[in-house]
Amino acid sequence: MTTDALPPVPSVQSLSSAQQRGTACVWCSVPLTPAIAADLGPRKIDAHGSTVLWFPRSCRNCRKDHP
C-alpha cells in the first residue's frame, strides 16, 4: 500500500503525545483499546532530520467518517 491510498490524518505536530503514540484517536482524542482501535497505515515523517515511520490510529467511529 502506498501513502497515496491512505486516508489523510492531522499533522503529527498538531497532535497530543497520546495521539502521536497511537493510544488516542488522531481525530477525536478518545483513548484507544484494542477493541476499538483502527490502524491507519504507516506514514513517513521527518524527525530531527531523519525519516521515520509513524503508525497513526483512530477509533472505529472516526475511521468510518474518514475513508
PDB file of N, CA and C in Angstrom:
ATOM      1  N   MET A   1       0.850  -1.183   0.000  1.00  0.00           N
ATOM      2  CA  MET A   1       0.000   0.000   0.000  1.00  0.00           C
ATOM      3  C   MET A   1       0.889   1.238   0.000  1.00  0.00           C
ATOM      4  N   THR A   2       0.594   2.185  -0.857  1.00  0.00           N
ATOM      5  CA  THR A   2       1.346   3.428  -0.881  1.00  0.00           C
ATOM      6  C   THR A   2       0.659   4.453   0.005  1.00  0.00           C
ATOM      7  N   THR A   3       1.390   5.484   0.347  1.00  0.00           N
ATOM      8  CA  THR A   3       0.795   6.508   1.195  1.00  0.00           C
ATOM      9  C   THR A   3      -0.301   7.267   0.457  1.00  0.00           C
ATOM     10  N   ASP A   4      -0.331   7.207  -0.886  1.00  0.00           N
ATOM     11  CA  ASP A   4      -1.389   7.870  -1.649  1.00  0.00           C
ATOM     12  C   ASP A   4      -2.754   7.248  -1.378  1.00  0.00           C
ATOM     13  N   ALA A   5      -2.792   5.960  -1.035  1.00  0.00           N
ATOM     14  CA  ALA A   5      -4.053   5.263  -0.802  1.00  0.00           C
ATOM     15  C   ALA A   5      -4.531   5.372   0.641  1.00  0.00           C
ATOM     16  N   LEU A   6      -3.724   5.979   1.498  1.00  0.00           N
ATOM     17  CA  LEU A   6      -4.077   6.074   2.913  1.00  0.00           C
ATOM     18  C   LEU A   6      -4.938   7.300   3.175  1.00  0.00           C
ATOM     19  N   PRO A   7      -5.847   7.206   4.166  1.00  0.00           N
ATOM     20  CA  PRO A   7      -6.667   8.380   4.483  1.00  0.00           C
ATOM     21  C   PRO A   7      -5.814   9.492   5.074  1.00  0.00           C
ATOM     22  N   PRO A   8      -6.123  10.742   4.751  1.00  0.00           N
ATOM     23  CA  PRO A   8      -5.354  11.845   5.338  1.00  0.00           C
ATOM     24  C   PRO A   8      -5.594  11.918   6.842  1.00  0.00           C
ATOM     25  N   VAL A   9      -4.559  12.311   7.553  1.00  0.00           N
ATOM     26  CA  VAL A   9      -4.645  12.470   9.008  1.00  0.00           C
ATOM     27  C   VAL A   9      -4.077  13.837   9.377  1.00  0.00           C
ATOM     28  N   PRO A  10      -4.404  14.339  10.565  1.00  0.00           N
ATOM     29  CA  PRO A  10      -3.822  15.612  11.007  1.00  0.00           C
ATOM     30  C   PRO A  10      -2.295  15.515  11.060  1.00  0.00           C
ATOM     31  N   SER A  11      -1.626  16.645  10.954  1.00  0.00           N
ATOM     32  CA  SER A  11      -0.166  16.630  11.032  1.00  0.00           C
ATOM     33  C   SER A  11       0.264  16.154  12.415  1.00  0.00           C
ATOM     34  N   VAL A  12       1.342  15.421  12.450  1.00  0.00           N
ATOM     35  CA  VAL A  12       1.817  14.866  13.714  1.00  0.00           C
ATOM     36  C   VAL A  12       2.139  15.966  14.724  1.00  0.00           C
ATOM     37  N   GLN A  13       2.584  17.125  14.243  1.00  0.00           N
ATOM     38  CA  GLN A  13       2.925  18.231  15.139  1.00  0.00           C
ATOM     39  C   GLN A  13       1.703  18.809  15.847  1.00  0.00           C
ATOM     40  N   SER A  14       0.518  18.633  15.258  1.00  0.00           N
ATOM     41  CA  SER A  14      -0.700  19.193  15.851  1.00  0.00           C
ATOM     42  C   SER A  14      -1.359  18.258  16.868  1.00  0.00           C
ATOM     43  N   LEU A  15      -0.814  17.070  17.047  1.00  0.00           N
ATOM     44  CA  LEU A  15      -1.430  16.062  17.901  1.00  0.00           C
ATOM     45  C   LEU A  15      -0.816  16.018  19.295  1.00  0.00           C
ATOM     46  N   SER A  16      -1.605  15.526  20.247  1.00  0.00           N
ATOM     47  CA  SER A  16      -1.100  15.322  21.608  1.00  0.00           C
ATOM     48  C   SER A  16      -0.119  14.149  21.603  1.00  0.00           C
ATOM     49  N   SER A  17       0.621  13.999  22.666  1.00  0.00           N
ATOM     50  CA  SER A  17       1.563  12.881  22.733  1.00  0.00           C
ATOM     51  C   SER A  17       0.826  11.536  22.691  1.00  0.00           C
ATOM     52  N   ALA A  18      -0.357  11.450  23.295  1.00  0.00           N
ATOM     53  CA  ALA A  18      -1.143  10.204  23.254  1.00  0.00           C
ATOM     54  C   ALA A  18      -1.582   9.891  21.824  1.00  0.00           C
ATOM     55  N   GLN A  19      -1.979  10.905  21.069  1.00  0.00           N
ATOM     56  CA  GLN A  19      -2.357  10.692  19.675  1.00  0.00           C
ATOM     57  C   GLN A  19      -1.146  10.294  18.844  1.00  0.00           C
ATOM     58  N   GLN A  20      -0.010  10.906  19.098  1.00  0.00           N
ATOM     59  CA  GLN A  20       1.213  10.551  18.374  1.00  0.00           C
ATOM     60  C   GLN A  20       1.632   9.120  18.664  1.00  0.00           C
ATOM     61  N   ARG A  21       1.457   8.659  19.896  1.00  0.00           N
ATOM     62  CA  ARG A  21       1.840   7.292  20.288  1.00  0.00           C
ATOM     63  C   ARG A  21       0.835   6.249  19.832  1.00  0.00           C
ATOM     64  N   GLY A  22      -0.358   6.666  19.414  1.00  0.00           N
ATOM     65  CA  GLY A  22      -1.372   5.711  18.991  1.00  0.00           C
ATOM     66  C   GLY A  22      -2.242   5.201  20.116  1.00  0.00           C
ATOM     67  N   THR A  23      -2.204   5.873  21.263  1.00  0.00           N
ATOM     68  CA  THR A  23      -3.057   5.456  22.376  1.00  0.00           C
ATOM     69  C   THR A  23      -4.339   6.269  22.450  1.00  0.00           C
ATOM     70  N   ALA A  24      -4.474   7.254  21.533  1.00  0.00           N
ATOM     71  CA  ALA A  24      -5.694   8.065  21.428  1.00  0.00           C
ATOM     72  C   ALA A  24      -5.978   8.312  19.951  1.00  0.00           C
ATOM     73  N   CYS A  25      -7.235   8.434  19.620  1.00  0.00           N
ATOM     74  CA  CYS A  25      -7.664   8.662  18.240  1.00  0.00           C
ATOM     75  C   CYS A  25      -7.062   9.966  17.697  1.00  0.00           C
ATOM     76  N   VAL A  26      -6.548   9.925  16.456  1.00  0.00           N
ATOM     77  CA  VAL A  26      -5.955  11.131  15.865  1.00  0.00           C
ATOM     78  C   VAL A  26      -6.992  12.212  15.591  1.00  0.00           C
ATOM     79  N   TRP A  27      -8.263  11.856  15.498  1.00  0.00           N
ATOM     80  CA  TRP A  27      -9.294  12.854  15.210  1.00  0.00           C
ATOM     81  C   TRP A  27     -10.068  13.319  16.449  1.00  0.00           C
ATOM     82  N   CYS A  28     -10.533  12.406  17.289  1.00  0.00           N
ATOM     83  CA  CYS A  28     -11.396  12.828  18.406  1.00  0.00           C
ATOM     84  C   CYS A  28     -10.731  12.705  19.780  1.00  0.00           C
ATOM     85  N   SER A  29      -9.529  12.154  19.843  1.00  0.00           N
ATOM     86  CA  SER A  29      -8.737  12.027  21.074  1.00  0.00           C
ATOM     87  C   SER A  29      -9.252  10.998  22.072  1.00  0.00           C
ATOM     88  N   VAL A  30     -10.264  10.215  21.724  1.00  0.00           N
ATOM     89  CA  VAL A  30     -10.761   9.198  22.653  1.00  0.00           C
ATOM     90  C   VAL A  30      -9.634   8.188  22.919  1.00  0.00           C
ATOM     91  N   PRO A  31      -9.452   7.755  24.176  1.00  0.00           N
ATOM     92  CA  PRO A  31      -8.446   6.725  24.460  1.00  0.00           C
ATOM     93  C   PRO A  31      -8.784   5.433  23.702  1.00  0.00           C
ATOM     94  N   LEU A  32      -7.756   4.808  23.144  1.00  0.00           N
ATOM     95  CA  LEU A  32      -7.974   3.611  22.332  1.00  0.00           C
ATOM     96  C   LEU A  32      -7.644   2.338  23.092  1.00  0.00           C
ATOM     97  N   THR A  33      -8.463   1.328  22.859  1.00  0.00           N
ATOM     98  CA  THR A  33      -8.213  -0.020  23.341  1.00  0.00           C
ATOM     99  C   THR A  33      -8.116  -0.907  22.105  1.00  0.00           C
ATOM    100  N   PRO A  34      -7.573  -2.105  22.236  1.00  0.00           N
ATOM    101  CA  PRO A  34      -7.511  -2.981  21.067  1.00  0.00           C
ATOM    102  C   PRO A  34      -8.882  -3.240  20.424  1.00  0.00           C
ATOM    103  N   ALA A  35      -9.929  -3.206  21.227  1.00  0.00           N
ATOM    104  CA  ALA A  35     -11.271  -3.486  20.705  1.00  0.00           C
ATOM    105  C   ALA A  35     -11.807  -2.379  19.798  1.00  0.00           C
ATOM    106  N   ILE A  36     -11.359  -1.125  19.998  1.00  0.00           N
ATOM    107  CA  ILE A  36     -11.920  -0.028  19.201  1.00  0.00           C
ATOM    108  C   ILE A  36     -10.912   0.661  18.287  1.00  0.00           C
ATOM    109  N   ALA A  37      -9.640   0.248  18.347  1.00  0.00           N
ATOM    110  CA  ALA A  37      -8.601   0.912  17.555  1.00  0.00           C
ATOM    111  C   ALA A  37      -8.614   0.436  16.101  1.00  0.00           C
ATOM    112  N   ALA A  38      -8.363   1.379  15.194  1.00  0.00           N
ATOM    113  CA  ALA A  38      -8.215   1.071  13.769  1.00  0.00           C
ATOM    114  C   ALA A  38      -6.865   1.636  13.320  1.00  0.00           C
ATOM    115  N   ASP A  39      -6.018   0.774  12.762  1.00  0.00           N
ATOM    116  CA  ASP A  39      -4.736   1.223  12.236  1.00  0.00           C
ATOM    117  C   ASP A  39      -4.965   1.987  10.942  1.00  0.00           C
ATOM    118  N   LEU A  40      -4.252   3.093  10.772  1.00  0.00           N
ATOM    119  CA  LEU A  40      -4.434   3.947   9.594  1.00  0.00           C
ATOM    120  C   LEU A  40      -3.283   3.840   8.601  1.00  0.00           C
ATOM    121  N   GLY A  41      -2.388   2.903   8.827  1.00  0.00           N
ATOM    122  CA  GLY A  41      -1.284   2.685   7.908  1.00  0.00           C
ATOM    123  C   GLY A  41      -0.056   3.499   8.248  1.00  0.00           C
ATOM    124  N   PRO A  42       1.120   2.991   7.889  1.00  0.00           N
ATOM    125  CA  PRO A  42       2.367   3.683   8.208  1.00  0.00           C
ATOM    126  C   PRO A  42       2.537   4.956   7.393  1.00  0.00           C
ATOM    127  N   ARG A  43       3.114   5.964   8.023  1.00  0.00           N
ATOM    128  CA  ARG A  43       3.380   7.257   7.376  1.00  0.00           C
ATOM    129  C   ARG A  43       4.847   7.587   7.563  1.00  0.00           C
ATOM    130  N   LYS A  44       5.473   8.094   6.523  1.00  0.00           N
ATOM    131  CA  LYS A  44       6.846   8.582   6.635  1.00  0.00           C
ATOM    132  C   LYS A  44       6.792  10.027   7.102  1.00  0.00           C
ATOM    133  N   ILE A  45       7.520  10.313   8.178  1.00  0.00           N
ATOM    134  CA  ILE A  45       7.595  11.681   8.698  1.00  0.00           C
ATOM    135  C   ILE A  45       9.050  12.025   8.988  1.00  0.00           C
ATOM    136  N   ASP A  46       9.344  13.304   9.053  1.00  0.00           N
ATOM    137  CA  ASP A  46      10.676  13.765   9.399  1.00  0.00           C
ATOM    138  C   ASP A  46      10.758  13.951  10.911  1.00  0.00           C
ATOM    139  N   ALA A  47      11.790  13.390  11.496  1.00  0.00           N
ATOM    140  CA  ALA A  47      12.026  13.554  12.936  1.00  0.00           C
ATOM    141  C   ALA A  47      13.474  13.966  13.132  1.00  0.00           C
ATOM    142  N   HIS A  48      13.682  15.253  13.319  1.00  0.00           N
ATOM    143  CA  HIS A  48      15.021  15.791  13.576  1.00  0.00           C
ATOM    144  C   HIS A  48      15.998  15.443  12.458  1.00  0.00           C
ATOM    145  N   GLY A  49      15.536  15.548  11.205  1.00  0.00           N
ATOM    146  CA  GLY A  49      16.404  15.312  10.060  1.00  0.00           C
ATOM    147  C   GLY A  49      16.470  13.873   9.578  1.00  0.00           C
ATOM    148  N   SER A  50      15.771  12.969  10.242  1.00  0.00           N
ATOM    149  CA  SER A  50      15.723  11.571   9.825  1.00  0.00           C
ATOM    150  C   SER A  50      14.295  11.214   9.430  1.00  0.00           C
ATOM    151  N   THR A  51      14.152  10.365   8.436  1.00  0.00           N
ATOM    152  CA  THR A  51      12.835   9.881   8.056  1.00  0.00           C
ATOM    153  C   THR A  51      12.513   8.653   8.887  1.00  0.00           C
ATOM    154  N   VAL A  52      11.364   8.685   9.563  1.00  0.00           N
ATOM    155  CA  VAL A  52      10.917   7.568  10.396  1.00  0.00           C
ATOM    156  C   VAL A  52       9.485   7.207  10.016  1.00  0.00           C
ATOM    157  N   LEU A  53       9.073   6.015  10.398  1.00  0.00           N
ATOM    158  CA  LEU A  53       7.695   5.602  10.170  1.00  0.00           C
ATOM    159  C   LEU A  53       6.860   5.908  11.407  1.00  0.00           C
ATOM    160  N   TRP A  54       5.684   6.450  11.163  1.00  0.00           N
ATOM    161  CA  TRP A  54       4.709   6.742  12.214  1.00  0.00           C
ATOM    162  C   TRP A  54       3.479   5.905  11.900  1.00  0.00           C
ATOM    163  N   PHE A  55       2.868   5.313  12.904  1.00  0.00           N
ATOM    164  CA  PHE A  55       1.714   4.433  12.734  1.00  0.00           C
ATOM    165  C   PHE A  55       0.499   5.014  13.457  1.00  0.00           C
ATOM    166  N   PRO A  56      -0.200   5.979  12.831  1.00  0.00           N
ATOM    167  CA  PRO A  56      -1.364   6.595  13.482  1.00  0.00           C
ATOM    168  C   PRO A  56      -2.517   5.606  13.616  1.00  0.00           C
ATOM    169  N   ARG A  57      -3.361   5.867  14.620  1.00  0.00           N
ATOM    170  CA  ARG A  57      -4.547   5.036  14.844  1.00  0.00           C
ATOM    171  C   ARG A  57      -5.738   5.926  15.147  1.00  0.00           C
ATOM    172  N   SER A  58      -6.912   5.374  14.932  1.00  0.00           N
ATOM    173  CA  SER A  58      -8.142   6.098  15.239  1.00  0.00           C
ATOM    174  C   SER A  58      -9.131   5.141  15.885  1.00  0.00           C
ATOM    175  N   CYS A  59     -10.225   5.718  16.378  1.00  0.00           N
ATOM    176  CA  CYS A  59     -11.325   4.865  16.843  1.00  0.00           C
ATOM    177  C   CYS A  59     -12.101   4.421  15.598  1.00  0.00           C
ATOM    178  N   ARG A  60     -12.850   3.370  15.728  1.00  0.00           N
ATOM    179  CA  ARG A  60     -13.590   2.847  14.569  1.00  0.00           C
ATOM    180  C   ARG A  60     -14.669   3.821  14.086  1.00  0.00           C
ATOM    181  N   ASN A  61     -15.263   4.577  15.011  1.00  0.00           N
ATOM    182  CA  ASN A  61     -16.287   5.549  14.605  1.00  0.00           C
ATOM    183  C   ASN A  61     -15.698   6.626  13.702  1.00  0.00           C
ATOM    184  N   CYS A  62     -14.564   7.193  14.087  1.00  0.00           N
ATOM    185  CA  CYS A  62     -13.932   8.226  13.260  1.00  0.00           C
ATOM    186  C   CYS A  62     -13.413   7.641  11.958  1.00  0.00           C
ATOM    187  N   ARG A  63     -12.949   6.417  11.985  1.00  0.00           N
ATOM    188  CA  ARG A  63     -12.430   5.775  10.759  1.00  0.00           C
ATOM    189  C   ARG A  63     -13.533   5.701   9.700  1.00  0.00           C
ATOM    190  N   LYS A  64     -14.763   5.461  10.124  1.00  0.00           N
ATOM    191  CA  LYS A  64     -15.889   5.408   9.187  1.00  0.00           C
ATOM    192  C   LYS A  64     -16.129   6.768   8.548  1.00  0.00           C
ATOM    193  N   ASP A  65     -15.856   7.858   9.296  1.00  0.00           N
ATOM    194  CA  ASP A  65     -16.081   9.211   8.800  1.00  0.00           C
ATOM    195  C   ASP A  65     -14.937   9.728   7.935  1.00  0.00           C
ATOM    196  N   HIS A  66     -13.790   9.032   7.921  1.00  0.00           N
ATOM    197  CA  HIS A  66     -12.611   9.470   7.177  1.00  0.00           C
ATOM    198  C   HIS A  66     -12.106   8.333   6.292  1.00  0.00           C
ATOM    199  N   PRO A  67     -12.842   7.993   5.228  1.00  0.00           N
ATOM    200  CA  PRO A  67     -12.429   6.853   4.379  1.00  0.00           C
ATOM    201  C   PRO A  67     -11.145   7.128   3.593  1.00  0.00           C
TER     202      PRO A  67
END
